[in-house]
């Protein structure tokens, strides 16, 4: 990891991703939040699925949400600010 990419435990806490999905009669908003220090939120996409997972330091998914890519309107990532150096 490069020096400017390093994060402390407090900085990782609070990462979140918002997913906006078309539900037919409008849109619905979902959030996946890194609930504990040391966890992060990762987004991956496959053929027709977008998966958002809360992941531990070791890379194990704690919880995940899957959405049909054709219904997803927006995926907004909100990383924690790095703060002053």
PDB file of N, CA and C in Angstrom:
ATOM      1  N   UNK A   1       0.825  -1.172   0.000  1.00  0.00           N
ATOM      2  CA  UNK A   1       0.000   0.000   0.000  1.00  0.00           C
ATOM      3  C   UNK A   1       0.877   1.247   0.000  1.00  0.00           C
ATOM      4  N   UNK A   2       0.505   2.217  -0.786  1.00  0.00           N
ATOM      5  CA  UNK A   2       1.228   3.478  -0.801  1.00  0.00           C
ATOM      6  C   UNK A   2       0.883   4.262   0.452  1.00  0.00           C
ATOM      7  N   UNK A   3       1.763   5.146   0.821  1.00  0.00           N
ATOM      8  CA  UNK A   3       1.577   5.902   2.066  1.00  0.00           C
ATOM      9  C   UNK A   3       0.265   6.668   2.088  1.00  0.00           C
ATOM     10  N   UNK A   4      -0.090   7.320   0.981  1.00  0.00           N
ATOM     11  CA  UNK A   4      -1.314   8.109   0.965  1.00  0.00           C
ATOM     12  C   UNK A   4      -2.577   7.254   0.906  1.00  0.00           C
ATOM     13  N   UNK A   5      -2.456   5.945   0.634  1.00  0.00           N
ATOM     14  CA  UNK A   5      -3.607   5.061   0.599  1.00  0.00           C
ATOM     15  C   UNK A   5      -3.889   4.413   1.950  1.00  0.00           C
ATOM     16  N   UNK A   6      -2.938   4.518   2.883  1.00  0.00           N
ATOM     17  CA  UNK A   6      -3.111   3.872   4.188  1.00  0.00           C
ATOM     18  C   UNK A   6      -4.268   4.513   4.937  1.00  0.00           C
ATOM     19  N   UNK A   7      -5.027   3.684   5.635  1.00  0.00           N
ATOM     20  CA  UNK A   7      -6.152   4.173   6.424  1.00  0.00           C
ATOM     21  C   UNK A   7      -6.001   3.669   7.847  1.00  0.00           C
ATOM     22  N   UNK A   8      -6.448   4.468   8.785  1.00  0.00           N
ATOM     23  CA  UNK A   8      -6.504   3.987  10.163  1.00  0.00           C
ATOM     24  C   UNK A   8      -7.868   3.343  10.376  1.00  0.00           C
ATOM     25  N   UNK A   9      -8.049   2.667  11.477  1.00  0.00           N
ATOM     26  CA  UNK A   9      -9.317   2.000  11.745  1.00  0.00           C
ATOM     27  C   UNK A   9     -10.474   2.984  11.787  1.00  0.00           C
ATOM     28  N   UNK A  10     -10.270   4.157  12.354  1.00  0.00           N
ATOM     29  CA  UNK A  10     -11.340   5.136  12.460  1.00  0.00           C
ATOM     30  C   UNK A  10     -11.749   5.655  11.095  1.00  0.00           C
ATOM     31  N   UNK A  11     -10.797   5.738  10.155  1.00  0.00           N
ATOM     32  CA  UNK A  11     -11.132   6.248   8.835  1.00  0.00           C
ATOM     33  C   UNK A  11     -11.928   5.241   8.021  1.00  0.00           C
ATOM     34  N   UNK A  12     -11.713   3.964   8.243  1.00  0.00           N
ATOM     35  CA  UNK A  12     -12.441   2.948   7.493  1.00  0.00           C
ATOM     36  C   UNK A  12     -13.887   2.878   7.969  1.00  0.00           C
ATOM     37  N   UNK A  13     -14.111   3.087   9.226  1.00  0.00           N
ATOM     38  CA  UNK A  13     -15.459   3.013   9.759  1.00  0.00           C
ATOM     39  C   UNK A  13     -16.335   4.075   9.117  1.00  0.00           C
ATOM     40  N   UNK A  14     -17.486   3.669   8.634  1.00  0.00           N
ATOM     41  CA  UNK A  14     -18.416   4.618   8.053  1.00  0.00           C
ATOM     42  C   UNK A  14     -18.457   4.611   6.545  1.00  0.00           C
ATOM     43  N   UNK A  15     -17.620   3.803   5.873  1.00  0.00           N
ATOM     44  CA  UNK A  15     -17.748   3.688   4.426  1.00  0.00           C
ATOM     45  C   UNK A  15     -19.165   3.236   4.122  1.00  0.00           C
ATOM     46  N   UNK A  16     -19.756   3.802   3.081  1.00  0.00           N
ATOM     47  CA  UNK A  16     -21.108   3.382   2.721  1.00  0.00           C
ATOM     48  C   UNK A  16     -21.328   3.532   1.229  1.00  0.00           C
ATOM     49  N   UNK A  17     -22.275   2.759   0.727  1.00  0.00           N
ATOM     50  CA  UNK A  17     -22.644   2.793  -0.682  1.00  0.00           C
ATOM     51  C   UNK A  17     -24.161   2.890  -0.753  1.00  0.00           C
ATOM     52  N   UNK A  18     -24.644   3.807  -1.582  1.00  0.00           N
ATOM     53  CA  UNK A  18     -26.073   3.950  -1.832  1.00  0.00           C
ATOM     54  C   UNK A  18     -26.382   3.346  -3.192  1.00  0.00           C
ATOM     55  N   UNK A  19     -27.464   2.597  -3.273  1.00  0.00           N
ATOM     56  CA  UNK A  19     -27.891   2.006  -4.534  1.00  0.00           C
ATOM     57  C   UNK A  19     -29.319   2.476  -4.788  1.00  0.00           C
ATOM     58  N   UNK A  20     -29.558   3.038  -5.961  1.00  0.00           N
ATOM     59  CA  UNK A  20     -30.886   3.505  -6.339  1.00  0.00           C
ATOM     60  C   UNK A  20     -31.416   2.537  -7.391  1.00  0.00           C
ATOM     61  N   UNK A  21     -32.583   1.936  -7.110  1.00  0.00           N
ATOM     62  CA  UNK A  21     -33.140   0.892  -7.960  1.00  0.00           C
ATOM     63  C   UNK A  21     -34.518   1.301  -8.464  1.00  0.00           C
ATOM     64  N   UNK A  22     -34.775   1.062  -9.755  1.00  0.00           N
ATOM     65  CA  UNK A  22     -36.081   1.292 -10.352  1.00  0.00           C
ATOM     66  C   UNK A  22     -37.003   0.156  -9.924  1.00  0.00           C
ATOM     67  N   UNK A  23     -38.094   0.494  -9.237  1.00  0.00           N
ATOM     68  CA  UNK A  23     -39.020  -0.536  -8.761  1.00  0.00           C
ATOM     69  C   UNK A  23     -40.357  -0.498  -9.502  1.00  0.00           C
ATOM     70  N   UNK A  24     -40.393   0.134 -10.663  1.00  0.00           N
ATOM     71  CA  UNK A  24     -41.612   0.171 -11.467  1.00  0.00           C
ATOM     72  C   UNK A  24     -42.392   1.453 -11.303  1.00  0.00           C
ATOM     73  N   UNK A  25     -42.798   1.766 -10.100  1.00  0.00           N
ATOM     74  CA  UNK A  25     -43.584   2.977  -9.841  1.00  0.00           C
ATOM     75  C   UNK A  25     -42.728   4.067  -9.213  1.00  0.00           C
ATOM     76  N   UNK A  26     -41.460   4.086  -9.508  1.00  0.00           N
ATOM     77  CA  UNK A  26     -40.533   5.055  -8.935  1.00  0.00           C
ATOM     78  C   UNK A  26     -39.202   4.384  -8.661  1.00  0.00           C
ATOM     79  N   UNK A  27     -38.466   4.960  -7.748  1.00  0.00           N
ATOM     80  CA  UNK A  27     -37.174   4.387  -7.372  1.00  0.00           C
ATOM     81  C   UNK A  27     -37.140   4.157  -5.870  1.00  0.00           C
ATOM     82  N   UNK A  28     -36.312   3.195  -5.472  1.00  0.00           N
ATOM     83  CA  UNK A  28     -36.113   2.917  -4.053  1.00  0.00           C
ATOM     84  C   UNK A  28     -34.623   2.979  -3.778  1.00  0.00           C
ATOM     85  N   UNK A  29     -34.252   3.525  -2.625  1.00  0.00           N
ATOM     86  CA  UNK A  29     -32.860   3.721  -2.248  1.00  0.00           C
ATOM     87  C   UNK A  29     -32.473   2.715  -1.175  1.00  0.00           C
ATOM     88  N   UNK A  30     -31.315   2.050  -1.372  1.00  0.00           N
ATOM     89  CA  UNK A  30     -30.779   1.110  -0.401  1.00  0.00           C
ATOM     90  C   UNK A  30     -29.393   1.583   0.006  1.00  0.00           C
ATOM     91  N   UNK A  31     -28.957   1.250   1.216  1.00  0.00           N
ATOM     92  CA  UNK A  31     -27.615   1.597   1.694  1.00  0.00           C
ATOM     93  C   UNK A  31     -26.952   0.371   2.285  1.00  0.00           C
ATOM     94  N   UNK A  32     -25.661   0.222   2.004  1.00  0.00           N
ATOM     95  CA  UNK A  32     -24.842  -0.777   2.673  1.00  0.00           C
ATOM     96  C   UNK A  32     -23.747   0.007   3.371  1.00  0.00           C
ATOM     97  N   UNK A  33     -23.624  -0.195   4.690  1.00  0.00           N
ATOM     98  CA  UNK A  33     -22.707   0.603   5.508  1.00  0.00           C
ATOM     99  C   UNK A  33     -21.724  -0.315   6.216  1.00  0.00           C
ATOM    100  N   UNK A  34     -20.444   0.091   6.244  1.00  0.00           N
ATOM    101  CA  UNK A  34     -19.438  -0.631   7.032  1.00  0.00           C
ATOM    102  C   UNK A  34     -19.726  -0.338   8.489  1.00  0.00           C
ATOM    103  N   UNK A  35     -20.243  -1.335   9.202  1.00  0.00           N
ATOM    104  CA  UNK A  35     -20.776  -1.104  10.541  1.00  0.00           C
ATOM    105  C   UNK A  35     -19.734  -1.109  11.653  1.00  0.00           C
ATOM    106  N   UNK A  36     -18.569  -1.691  11.419  1.00  0.00           N
ATOM    107  CA  UNK A  36     -17.549  -1.751  12.463  1.00  0.00           C
ATOM    108  C   UNK A  36     -16.215  -1.255  11.926  1.00  0.00           C
ATOM    109  N   UNK A  37     -15.346  -0.860  12.835  1.00  0.00           N
ATOM    110  CA  UNK A  37     -14.012  -0.410  12.449  1.00  0.00           C
ATOM    111  C   UNK A  37     -13.271  -1.552  11.770  1.00  0.00           C
ATOM    112  N   UNK A  38     -12.532  -1.240  10.728  1.00  0.00           N
ATOM    113  CA  UNK A  38     -11.753  -2.240  10.013  1.00  0.00           C
ATOM    114  C   UNK A  38     -12.490  -2.880   8.859  1.00  0.00           C
ATOM    115  N   UNK A  39     -13.761  -2.570   8.706  1.00  0.00           N
ATOM    116  CA  UNK A  39     -14.524  -3.128   7.588  1.00  0.00           C
ATOM    117  C   UNK A  39     -14.640  -2.101   6.479  1.00  0.00           C
ATOM    118  N   UNK A  40     -14.924  -2.586   5.290  1.00  0.00           N
ATOM    119  CA  UNK A  40     -15.087  -1.713   4.135  1.00  0.00           C
ATOM    120  C   UNK A  40     -16.247  -2.232   3.287  1.00  0.00           C
ATOM    121  N   UNK A  41     -16.684  -1.425   2.348  1.00  0.00           N
ATOM    122  CA  UNK A  41     -17.766  -1.810   1.457  1.00  0.00           C
ATOM    123  C   UNK A  41     -17.189  -1.919   0.056  1.00  0.00           C
ATOM    124  N   UNK A  42     -17.440  -3.058  -0.606  1.00  0.00           N
ATOM    125  CA  UNK A  42     -16.943  -3.292  -1.951  1.00  0.00           C
ATOM    126  C   UNK A  42     -18.110  -3.493  -2.906  1.00  0.00           C
ATOM    127  N   UNK A  43     -17.938  -3.006  -4.138  1.00  0.00           N
ATOM    128  CA  UNK A  43     -18.952  -3.148  -5.177  1.00  0.00           C
ATOM    129  C   UNK A  43     -18.353  -3.986  -6.296  1.00  0.00           C
ATOM    130  N   UNK A  44     -19.102  -4.990  -6.748  1.00  0.00           N
ATOM    131  CA  UNK A  44     -18.653  -5.786  -7.892  1.00  0.00           C
ATOM    132  C   UNK A  44     -19.843  -5.978  -8.824  1.00  0.00           C
ATOM    133  N   UNK A  45     -19.534  -6.133 -10.092  1.00  0.00           N
ATOM    134  CA  UNK A  45     -20.605  -6.336 -11.066  1.00  0.00           C
ATOM    135  C   UNK A  45     -20.257  -7.513 -11.958  1.00  0.00           C
ATOM    136  N   UNK A  46     -21.270  -8.286 -12.272  1.00  0.00           N
ATOM    137  CA  UNK A  46     -21.118  -9.428 -13.156  1.00  0.00           C
ATOM    138  C   UNK A  46     -21.973  -9.218 -14.386  1.00  0.00           C
ATOM    139  N   UNK A  47     -22.392 -10.290 -14.981  1.00  0.00           N
ATOM    140  CA  UNK A  47     -23.197 -10.203 -16.201  1.00  0.00           C
ATOM    141  C   UNK A  47     -24.457  -9.372 -16.002  1.00  0.00           C
ATOM    142  N   UNK A  48     -25.281  -9.766 -15.090  1.00  0.00           N
ATOM    143  CA  UNK A  48     -26.537  -9.046 -14.901  1.00  0.00           C
ATOM    144  C   UNK A  48     -26.805  -8.719 -13.433  1.00  0.00           C
ATOM    145  N   UNK A  49     -25.786  -8.851 -12.595  1.00  0.00           N
ATOM    146  CA  UNK A  49     -25.941  -8.632 -11.157  1.00  0.00           C
ATOM    147  C   UNK A  49     -24.910  -7.621 -10.658  1.00  0.00           C
ATOM    148  N   UNK A  50     -25.345  -6.720  -9.794  1.00  0.00           N
ATOM    149  CA  UNK A  50     -24.440  -5.832  -9.076  1.00  0.00           C
ATOM    150  C   UNK A  50     -24.505  -6.253  -7.616  1.00  0.00           C
ATOM    151  N   UNK A  51     -23.338  -6.555  -7.034  1.00  0.00           N
ATOM    152  CA  UNK A  51     -23.282  -7.015  -5.648  1.00  0.00           C
ATOM    153  C   UNK A  51     -22.505  -6.011  -4.815  1.00  0.00           C
ATOM    154  N   UNK A  52     -23.083  -5.631  -3.679  1.00  0.00           N
ATOM    155  CA  UNK A  52     -22.449  -4.712  -2.745  1.00  0.00           C
ATOM    156  C   UNK A  52     -22.264  -5.480  -1.437  1.00  0.00           C
ATOM    157  N   UNK A  53     -21.003  -5.564  -0.955  1.00  0.00           N
ATOM    158  CA  UNK A  53     -20.709  -6.383   0.218  1.00  0.00           C
ATOM    159  C   UNK A  53     -19.949  -5.597   1.272  1.00  0.00           C
ATOM    160  N   UNK A  54     -20.275  -5.871   2.527  1.00  0.00           N
ATOM    161  CA  UNK A  54     -19.473  -5.376   3.649  1.00  0.00           C
ATOM    162  C   UNK A  54     -18.429  -6.450   3.922  1.00  0.00           C
ATOM    163  N   UNK A  55     -17.157  -6.067   3.896  1.00  0.00           N
ATOM    164  CA  UNK A  55     -16.053  -7.019   3.943  1.00  0.00           C
ATOM    165  C   UNK A  55     -15.152  -6.725   5.140  1.00  0.00           C
ATOM    166  N   UNK A  56     -14.674  -7.789   5.799  1.00  0.00           N
ATOM    167  CA  UNK A  56     -13.739  -7.634   6.913  1.00  0.00           C
ATOM    168  C   UNK A  56     -12.336  -7.379   6.377  1.00  0.00           C
ATOM    169  N   UNK A  57     -11.390  -7.131   7.293  1.00  0.00           N
ATOM    170  CA  UNK A  57      -9.992  -6.918   6.895  1.00  0.00           C
ATOM    171  C   UNK A  57      -9.425  -8.107   6.137  1.00  0.00           C
ATOM    172  N   UNK A  58      -9.859  -9.308   6.482  1.00  0.00           N
ATOM    173  CA  UNK A  58      -9.332 -10.518   5.847  1.00  0.00           C
ATOM    174  C   UNK A  58      -9.983 -10.814   4.505  1.00  0.00           C
ATOM    175  N   UNK A  59     -11.019 -10.058   4.139  1.00  0.00           N
ATOM    176  CA  UNK A  59     -11.669 -10.240   2.847  1.00  0.00           C
ATOM    177  C   UNK A  59     -12.925 -11.084   2.886  1.00  0.00           C
ATOM    178  N   UNK A  60     -13.362 -11.470   4.072  1.00  0.00           N
ATOM    179  CA  UNK A  60     -14.575 -12.284   4.202  1.00  0.00           C
ATOM    180  C   UNK A  60     -15.803 -11.378   4.187  1.00  0.00           C
ATOM    181  N   UNK A  61     -16.770 -11.711   3.345  1.00  0.00           N
ATOM    182  CA  UNK A  61     -18.003 -10.924   3.261  1.00  0.00           C
ATOM    183  C   UNK A  61     -18.876 -11.203   4.476  1.00  0.00           C
ATOM    184  N   UNK A  62     -19.257 -10.144   5.181  1.00  0.00           N
ATOM    185  CA  UNK A  62     -20.106 -10.259   6.351  1.00  0.00           C
ATOM    186  C   UNK A  62     -21.571 -10.256   5.919  1.00  0.00           C
ATOM    187  N   UNK A  63     -21.912  -9.355   5.030  1.00  0.00           N
ATOM    188  CA  UNK A  63     -23.259  -9.304   4.468  1.00  0.00           C
ATOM    189  C   UNK A  63     -23.165  -8.725   3.065  1.00  0.00           C
ATOM    190  N   UNK A  64     -24.111  -9.054   2.252  1.00  0.00           N
ATOM    191  CA  UNK A  64     -24.089  -8.544   0.890  1.00  0.00           C
ATOM    192  C   UNK A  64     -25.511  -8.323   0.387  1.00  0.00           C
ATOM    193  N   UNK A  65     -25.603  -7.494  -0.636  1.00  0.00           N
ATOM    194  CA  UNK A  65     -26.877  -7.217  -1.290  1.00  0.00           C
ATOM    195  C   UNK A  65     -26.662  -7.361  -2.787  1.00  0.00           C
ATOM    196  N   UNK A  66     -27.613  -7.986  -3.459  1.00  0.00           N
ATOM    197  CA  UNK A  66     -27.522  -8.185  -4.908  1.00  0.00           C
ATOM    198  C   UNK A  66     -28.701  -7.522  -5.588  1.00  0.00           C
ATOM    199  N   UNK A  67     -28.399  -6.897  -6.725  1.00  0.00           N
ATOM    200  CA  UNK A  67     -29.417  -6.182  -7.481  1.00  0.00           C
ATOM    201  C   UNK A  67     -29.286  -6.535  -8.957  1.00  0.00           C
ATOM    202  N   UNK A  68     -30.418  -6.589  -9.661  1.00  0.00           N
ATOM    203  CA  UNK A  68     -30.390  -6.804 -11.110  1.00  0.00           C
ATOM    204  C   UNK A  68     -29.835  -5.539 -11.755  1.00  0.00           C
ATOM    205  N   UNK A  69     -28.804  -5.694 -12.570  1.00  0.00           N
ATOM    206  CA  UNK A  69     -28.140  -4.540 -13.183  1.00  0.00           C
ATOM    207  C   UNK A  69     -29.099  -3.727 -14.047  1.00  0.00           C
ATOM    208  N   UNK A  70     -30.054  -4.383 -14.682  1.00  0.00           N
ATOM    209  CA  UNK A  70     -30.991  -3.664 -15.548  1.00  0.00           C
ATOM    210  C   UNK A  70     -31.921  -2.740 -14.760  1.00  0.00           C
ATOM    211  N   UNK A  71     -32.069  -2.973 -13.456  1.00  0.00           N
ATOM    212  CA  UNK A  71     -32.935  -2.150 -12.608  1.00  0.00           C
ATOM    213  C   UNK A  71     -32.181  -1.070 -11.838  1.00  0.00           C
ATOM    214  N   UNK A  72     -30.858  -1.153 -11.794  1.00  0.00           N
ATOM    215  CA  UNK A  72     -30.067  -0.190 -11.020  1.00  0.00           C
ATOM    216  C   UNK A  72     -29.960   1.125 -11.789  1.00  0.00           C
ATOM    217  N   UNK A  73     -30.363   2.198 -11.130  1.00  0.00           N
ATOM    218  CA  UNK A  73     -30.301   3.537 -11.717  1.00  0.00           C
ATOM    219  C   UNK A  73     -28.963   4.185 -11.383  1.00  0.00           C
ATOM    220  N   UNK A  74     -28.495   4.033 -10.129  1.00  0.00           N
ATOM    221  CA  UNK A  74     -27.244   4.669  -9.704  1.00  0.00           C
ATOM    222  C   UNK A  74     -26.625   3.893  -8.553  1.00  0.00           C
ATOM    223  N   UNK A  75     -25.295   3.908  -8.524  1.00  0.00           N
ATOM    224  CA  UNK A  75     -24.525   3.381  -7.395  1.00  0.00           C
ATOM    225  C   UNK A  75     -23.614   4.514  -6.960  1.00  0.00           C
ATOM    226  N   UNK A  76     -23.806   4.987  -5.729  1.00  0.00           N
ATOM    227  CA  UNK A  76     -23.052   6.128  -5.213  1.00  0.00           C
ATOM    228  C   UNK A  76     -22.189   5.665  -4.048  1.00  0.00           C
ATOM    229  N   UNK A  77     -20.878   5.781  -4.188  1.00  0.00           N
ATOM    230  CA  UNK A  77     -19.958   5.386  -3.125  1.00  0.00           C
ATOM    231  C   UNK A  77     -19.592   6.602  -2.284  1.00  0.00           C
ATOM    232  N   UNK A  78     -19.637   6.443  -0.977  1.00  0.00           N
ATOM    233  CA  UNK A  78     -19.290   7.505  -0.025  1.00  0.00           C
ATOM    234  C   UNK A  78     -18.133   7.017   0.855  1.00  0.00           C
ATOM    235  N   UNK A  79     -16.901   7.107   0.381  1.00  0.00           N
ATOM    236  CA  UNK A  79     -15.782   6.691   1.238  1.00  0.00           C
ATOM    237  C   UNK A  79     -15.571   7.709   2.350  1.00  0.00           C
ATOM    238  N   UNK A  80     -14.980   7.258   3.423  1.00  0.00           N
ATOM    239  CA  UNK A  80     -14.683   8.148   4.529  1.00  0.00           C
ATOM    240  C   UNK A  80     -13.572   9.085   4.094  1.00  0.00           C
ATOM    241  N   UNK A  81     -13.682  10.347   4.489  1.00  0.00           N
ATOM    242  CA  UNK A  81     -12.638  11.315   4.155  1.00  0.00           C
ATOM    243  C   UNK A  81     -11.310  10.906   4.768  1.00  0.00           C
ATOM    244  N   UNK A  82     -10.232  11.136   4.038  1.00  0.00           N
ATOM    245  CA  UNK A  82      -8.899  10.802   4.531  1.00  0.00           C
ATOM    246  C   UNK A  82      -8.480  11.732   5.663  1.00  0.00           C
ATOM    247  N   UNK A  83      -9.050  12.929   5.682  1.00  0.00           N
ATOM    248  CA  UNK A  83      -8.714  13.883   6.749  1.00  0.00           C
ATOM    249  C   UNK A  83      -7.364  14.504   6.502  1.00  0.00           C
ATOM    250  N   UNK A  84      -6.917  15.370   7.416  1.00  0.00           N
ATOM    251  CA  UNK A  84      -5.634  16.034   7.250  1.00  0.00           C
ATOM    252  C   UNK A  84      -4.473  15.050   7.434  1.00  0.00           C
ATOM    253  N   UNK A  85      -3.414  15.249   6.673  1.00  0.00           N
ATOM    254  CA  UNK A  85      -2.240  14.378   6.757  1.00  0.00           C
ATOM    255  C   UNK A  85      -1.358  14.747   7.909  1.00  0.00           C
TER     256      UNK A  85
END
